Amino acid sequence: MAGDGYKGGLTPEGKFGCLIGSLIGVPTGMCLLLADALGDCVPDSPCHKDFLLHVLLPSVGVAVVLGLAAWWIAKTYRGDAH
């Protein structure tokens, strides 16, 4: 009965999804941050506003979508082999 407790840790699918989400999400965020910082501004217009809307939310969105897709693909192809 001692081995029936919580085993802890992520599933292999979860690890794969987090890895793919991180490997794609972080560079996407860096590229968007660089583009936002180096972008030219139109005269008489507020410049470099909405970091959250233009950089952070798209980066998180890409990471979440790709992470969930990778998790689903890994779970689908793993099948009943676990």
N, C-alpha and C. Protein backbone atom coordinates (compact mmCIF):
# COMPACT_ATOMS: atom_id res chain seq x y z
N MET A 1 0.81 -1.19 0.00
CA MET A 1 0.00 0.00 0.00
C MET A 1 0.86 1.26 0.00
N ALA A 2 2.13 1.14 0.27
CA ALA A 2 2.98 2.33 0.35
C ALA A 2 3.20 2.96 -1.03
N GLY A 3 3.08 2.18 -2.10
CA GLY A 3 3.32 2.70 -3.44
C GLY A 3 2.08 3.27 -4.11
N ASP A 4 0.95 3.34 -3.40
CA ASP A 4 -0.30 3.81 -4.01
C ASP A 4 -0.49 5.31 -3.91
N GLY A 5 0.44 6.04 -3.35
CA GLY A 5 0.28 7.47 -3.15
C GLY A 5 0.53 8.27 -4.41
N TYR A 6 0.53 9.55 -4.25
CA TYR A 6 0.75 10.47 -5.37
C TYR A 6 2.17 10.30 -5.90
N LYS A 7 2.28 10.13 -7.19
CA LYS A 7 3.59 9.91 -7.80
C LYS A 7 4.25 11.23 -8.21
N GLY A 8 3.46 12.26 -8.46
CA GLY A 8 4.01 13.59 -8.77
C GLY A 8 4.56 13.68 -10.18
N GLY A 9 4.86 14.90 -10.58
CA GLY A 9 5.47 15.14 -11.88
C GLY A 9 4.45 15.30 -12.99
N LEU A 10 4.96 15.77 -14.12
CA LEU A 10 4.13 15.95 -15.29
C LEU A 10 4.10 14.68 -16.12
N THR A 11 3.10 14.60 -16.97
CA THR A 11 3.05 13.50 -17.94
C THR A 11 4.02 13.82 -19.06
N PRO A 12 4.44 12.83 -19.82
CA PRO A 12 5.32 13.11 -20.96
C PRO A 12 4.68 14.08 -21.97
N GLU A 13 3.35 13.98 -22.15
CA GLU A 13 2.67 14.89 -23.05
C GLU A 13 2.73 16.33 -22.54
N GLY A 14 2.56 16.50 -21.24
CA GLY A 14 2.62 17.83 -20.65
C GLY A 14 4.01 18.43 -20.77
N LYS A 15 5.02 17.62 -20.55
CA LYS A 15 6.40 18.11 -20.68
C LYS A 15 6.69 18.53 -22.12
N PHE A 16 6.23 17.74 -23.08
CA PHE A 16 6.44 18.04 -24.49
C PHE A 16 5.70 19.32 -24.88
N GLY A 17 4.47 19.47 -24.41
CA GLY A 17 3.69 20.68 -24.71
C GLY A 17 4.33 21.92 -24.13
N CYS A 18 4.79 21.84 -22.89
CA CYS A 18 5.45 22.99 -22.25
C CYS A 18 6.75 23.33 -22.96
N LEU A 19 7.50 22.32 -23.37
CA LEU A 19 8.76 22.55 -24.07
C LEU A 19 8.52 23.26 -25.40
N ILE A 20 7.59 22.77 -26.18
CA ILE A 20 7.30 23.38 -27.48
C ILE A 20 6.75 24.78 -27.30
N GLY A 21 5.84 24.96 -26.35
CA GLY A 21 5.29 26.29 -26.09
C GLY A 21 6.36 27.29 -25.68
N SER A 22 7.30 26.85 -24.87
CA SER A 22 8.39 27.73 -24.43
C SER A 22 9.38 28.01 -25.55
N LEU A 23 9.72 26.98 -26.32
CA LEU A 23 10.69 27.17 -27.40
C LEU A 23 10.17 28.08 -28.51
N ILE A 24 8.88 28.13 -28.69
CA ILE A 24 8.31 29.00 -29.72
C ILE A 24 7.83 30.33 -29.11
N GLY A 25 7.26 30.30 -27.93
CA GLY A 25 6.69 31.50 -27.32
C GLY A 25 7.72 32.54 -26.93
N VAL A 26 8.84 32.13 -26.37
CA VAL A 26 9.86 33.09 -25.93
C VAL A 26 10.50 33.82 -27.11
N PRO A 27 10.94 33.12 -28.17
CA PRO A 27 11.48 33.86 -29.31
C PRO A 27 10.44 34.76 -29.99
N THR A 28 9.19 34.31 -30.03
CA THR A 28 8.13 35.15 -30.60
C THR A 28 7.99 36.43 -29.79
N GLY A 29 8.00 36.30 -28.48
CA GLY A 29 7.91 37.48 -27.62
C GLY A 29 9.10 38.41 -27.79
N MET A 30 10.28 37.84 -27.92
CA MET A 30 11.48 38.67 -28.12
C MET A 30 11.42 39.42 -29.45
N CYS A 31 10.98 38.74 -30.50
CA CYS A 31 10.87 39.40 -31.81
C CYS A 31 9.82 40.51 -31.78
N LEU A 32 8.69 40.25 -31.14
CA LEU A 32 7.67 41.28 -31.03
C LEU A 32 8.14 42.45 -30.18
N LEU A 33 8.87 42.17 -29.13
CA LEU A 33 9.42 43.23 -28.28
C LEU A 33 10.42 44.08 -29.06
N LEU A 34 11.28 43.43 -29.82
CA LEU A 34 12.25 44.15 -30.63
C LEU A 34 11.55 44.99 -31.70
N ALA A 35 10.56 44.43 -32.37
CA ALA A 35 9.83 45.18 -33.38
C ALA A 35 9.09 46.36 -32.77
N ASP A 36 8.54 46.18 -31.57
CA ASP A 36 7.84 47.28 -30.90
C ASP A 36 8.81 48.37 -30.47
N ALA A 37 9.99 47.98 -30.03
CA ALA A 37 10.96 48.97 -29.55
C ALA A 37 11.62 49.73 -30.71
N LEU A 38 11.84 49.06 -31.83
CA LEU A 38 12.54 49.69 -32.95
C LEU A 38 11.60 50.30 -33.99
N GLY A 39 10.31 50.09 -33.84
CA GLY A 39 9.36 50.60 -34.82
C GLY A 39 9.35 52.11 -34.87
N ASP A 40 9.21 52.66 -36.07
CA ASP A 40 9.14 54.11 -36.24
C ASP A 40 7.77 54.61 -35.81
N CYS A 41 7.76 55.84 -35.36
CA CYS A 41 6.53 56.45 -34.89
C CYS A 41 6.07 57.53 -35.88
N VAL A 42 4.78 57.63 -36.03
CA VAL A 42 4.20 58.68 -36.86
C VAL A 42 4.24 59.96 -36.04
N PRO A 43 4.61 61.09 -36.65
CA PRO A 43 4.63 62.36 -35.90
C PRO A 43 3.25 62.67 -35.30
N ASP A 44 3.29 63.30 -34.15
CA ASP A 44 2.08 63.70 -33.41
C ASP A 44 1.18 62.51 -33.05
N SER A 45 1.80 61.38 -32.77
CA SER A 45 1.05 60.20 -32.38
C SER A 45 1.74 59.57 -31.17
N PRO A 46 0.97 59.07 -30.21
CA PRO A 46 1.61 58.39 -29.09
C PRO A 46 2.38 57.16 -29.59
N CYS A 47 3.57 57.01 -29.08
CA CYS A 47 4.46 56.00 -29.62
C CYS A 47 4.73 54.89 -28.60
N HIS A 48 4.85 53.67 -29.09
CA HIS A 48 5.22 52.52 -28.28
C HIS A 48 4.29 52.35 -27.07
N LYS A 49 3.00 52.39 -27.33
CA LYS A 49 2.03 52.17 -26.27
C LYS A 49 1.48 50.75 -26.38
N ASP A 50 0.81 50.35 -25.37
CA ASP A 50 0.13 49.06 -25.33
C ASP A 50 1.06 47.87 -25.48
N PHE A 51 2.06 47.80 -24.61
CA PHE A 51 2.96 46.64 -24.57
C PHE A 51 2.16 45.36 -24.37
N LEU A 52 1.18 45.43 -23.49
CA LEU A 52 0.38 44.25 -23.18
C LEU A 52 -0.36 43.75 -24.42
N LEU A 53 -0.97 44.66 -25.15
CA LEU A 53 -1.79 44.28 -26.30
C LEU A 53 -0.96 43.89 -27.51
N HIS A 54 0.17 44.55 -27.73
CA HIS A 54 0.95 44.33 -28.95
C HIS A 54 2.08 43.32 -28.79
N VAL A 55 2.51 43.05 -27.58
CA VAL A 55 3.65 42.15 -27.39
C VAL A 55 3.29 40.95 -26.51
N LEU A 56 2.81 41.21 -25.32
CA LEU A 56 2.62 40.14 -24.35
C LEU A 56 1.48 39.19 -24.71
N LEU A 57 0.32 39.72 -25.05
CA LEU A 57 -0.81 38.85 -25.36
C LEU A 57 -0.59 37.98 -26.61
N PRO A 58 -0.05 38.53 -27.71
CA PRO A 58 0.23 37.65 -28.85
C PRO A 58 1.26 36.57 -28.52
N SER A 59 2.27 36.91 -27.75
CA SER A 59 3.29 35.92 -27.38
C SER A 59 2.70 34.80 -26.55
N VAL A 60 1.92 35.15 -25.56
CA VAL A 60 1.29 34.15 -24.71
C VAL A 60 0.29 33.33 -25.52
N GLY A 61 -0.44 33.98 -26.40
CA GLY A 61 -1.40 33.27 -27.24
C GLY A 61 -0.73 32.23 -28.12
N VAL A 62 0.36 32.60 -28.76
CA VAL A 62 1.10 31.67 -29.61
C VAL A 62 1.64 30.51 -28.77
N ALA A 63 2.20 30.81 -27.62
CA ALA A 63 2.77 29.77 -26.77
C ALA A 63 1.69 28.80 -26.28
N VAL A 64 0.55 29.32 -25.88
CA VAL A 64 -0.52 28.46 -25.37
C VAL A 64 -1.09 27.58 -26.48
N VAL A 65 -1.36 28.18 -27.63
CA VAL A 65 -1.93 27.40 -28.73
C VAL A 65 -0.97 26.30 -29.19
N LEU A 66 0.29 26.64 -29.37
CA LEU A 66 1.26 25.63 -29.81
C LEU A 66 1.54 24.60 -28.72
N GLY A 67 1.56 25.02 -27.47
CA GLY A 67 1.76 24.08 -26.38
C GLY A 67 0.61 23.07 -26.27
N LEU A 68 -0.62 23.57 -26.40
CA LEU A 68 -1.77 22.66 -26.35
C LEU A 68 -1.81 21.76 -27.57
N ALA A 69 -1.45 22.29 -28.74
CA ALA A 69 -1.41 21.46 -29.94
C ALA A 69 -0.36 20.36 -29.80
N ALA A 70 0.82 20.71 -29.29
CA ALA A 70 1.87 19.71 -29.10
C ALA A 70 1.46 18.67 -28.07
N TRP A 71 0.78 19.11 -27.00
CA TRP A 71 0.29 18.17 -25.99
C TRP A 71 -0.71 17.20 -26.60
N TRP A 72 -1.64 17.73 -27.40
CA TRP A 72 -2.66 16.90 -28.02
C TRP A 72 -2.03 15.92 -29.01
N ILE A 73 -1.08 16.39 -29.82
CA ILE A 73 -0.42 15.51 -30.78
C ILE A 73 0.35 14.40 -30.05
N ALA A 74 1.07 14.76 -29.01
CA ALA A 74 1.84 13.76 -28.25
C ALA A 74 0.90 12.75 -27.61
N LYS A 75 -0.21 13.21 -27.06
CA LYS A 75 -1.19 12.32 -26.43
C LYS A 75 -1.84 11.41 -27.47
N THR A 76 -2.12 11.95 -28.65
CA THR A 76 -2.75 11.15 -29.70
C THR A 76 -1.83 10.07 -30.21
N TYR A 77 -0.58 10.41 -30.47
CA TYR A 77 0.36 9.44 -31.02
C TYR A 77 0.92 8.49 -29.98
N ARG A 78 0.83 8.86 -28.72
CA ARG A 78 1.29 7.96 -27.68
C ARG A 78 0.34 6.78 -27.54
N GLY A 79 -0.94 7.06 -27.69
CA GLY A 79 -1.94 6.00 -27.66
C GLY A 79 -2.02 5.32 -26.31
N ASP A 80 -2.13 4.02 -26.32
CA ASP A 80 -2.24 3.23 -25.09
C ASP A 80 -0.92 2.62 -24.67
N ALA A 81 0.18 3.20 -25.14
CA ALA A 81 1.50 2.64 -24.84
C ALA A 81 1.97 2.96 -23.43
N HIS A 82 1.23 3.76 -22.69
CA HIS A 82 1.67 4.12 -21.34
C HIS A 82 1.20 3.08 -20.39
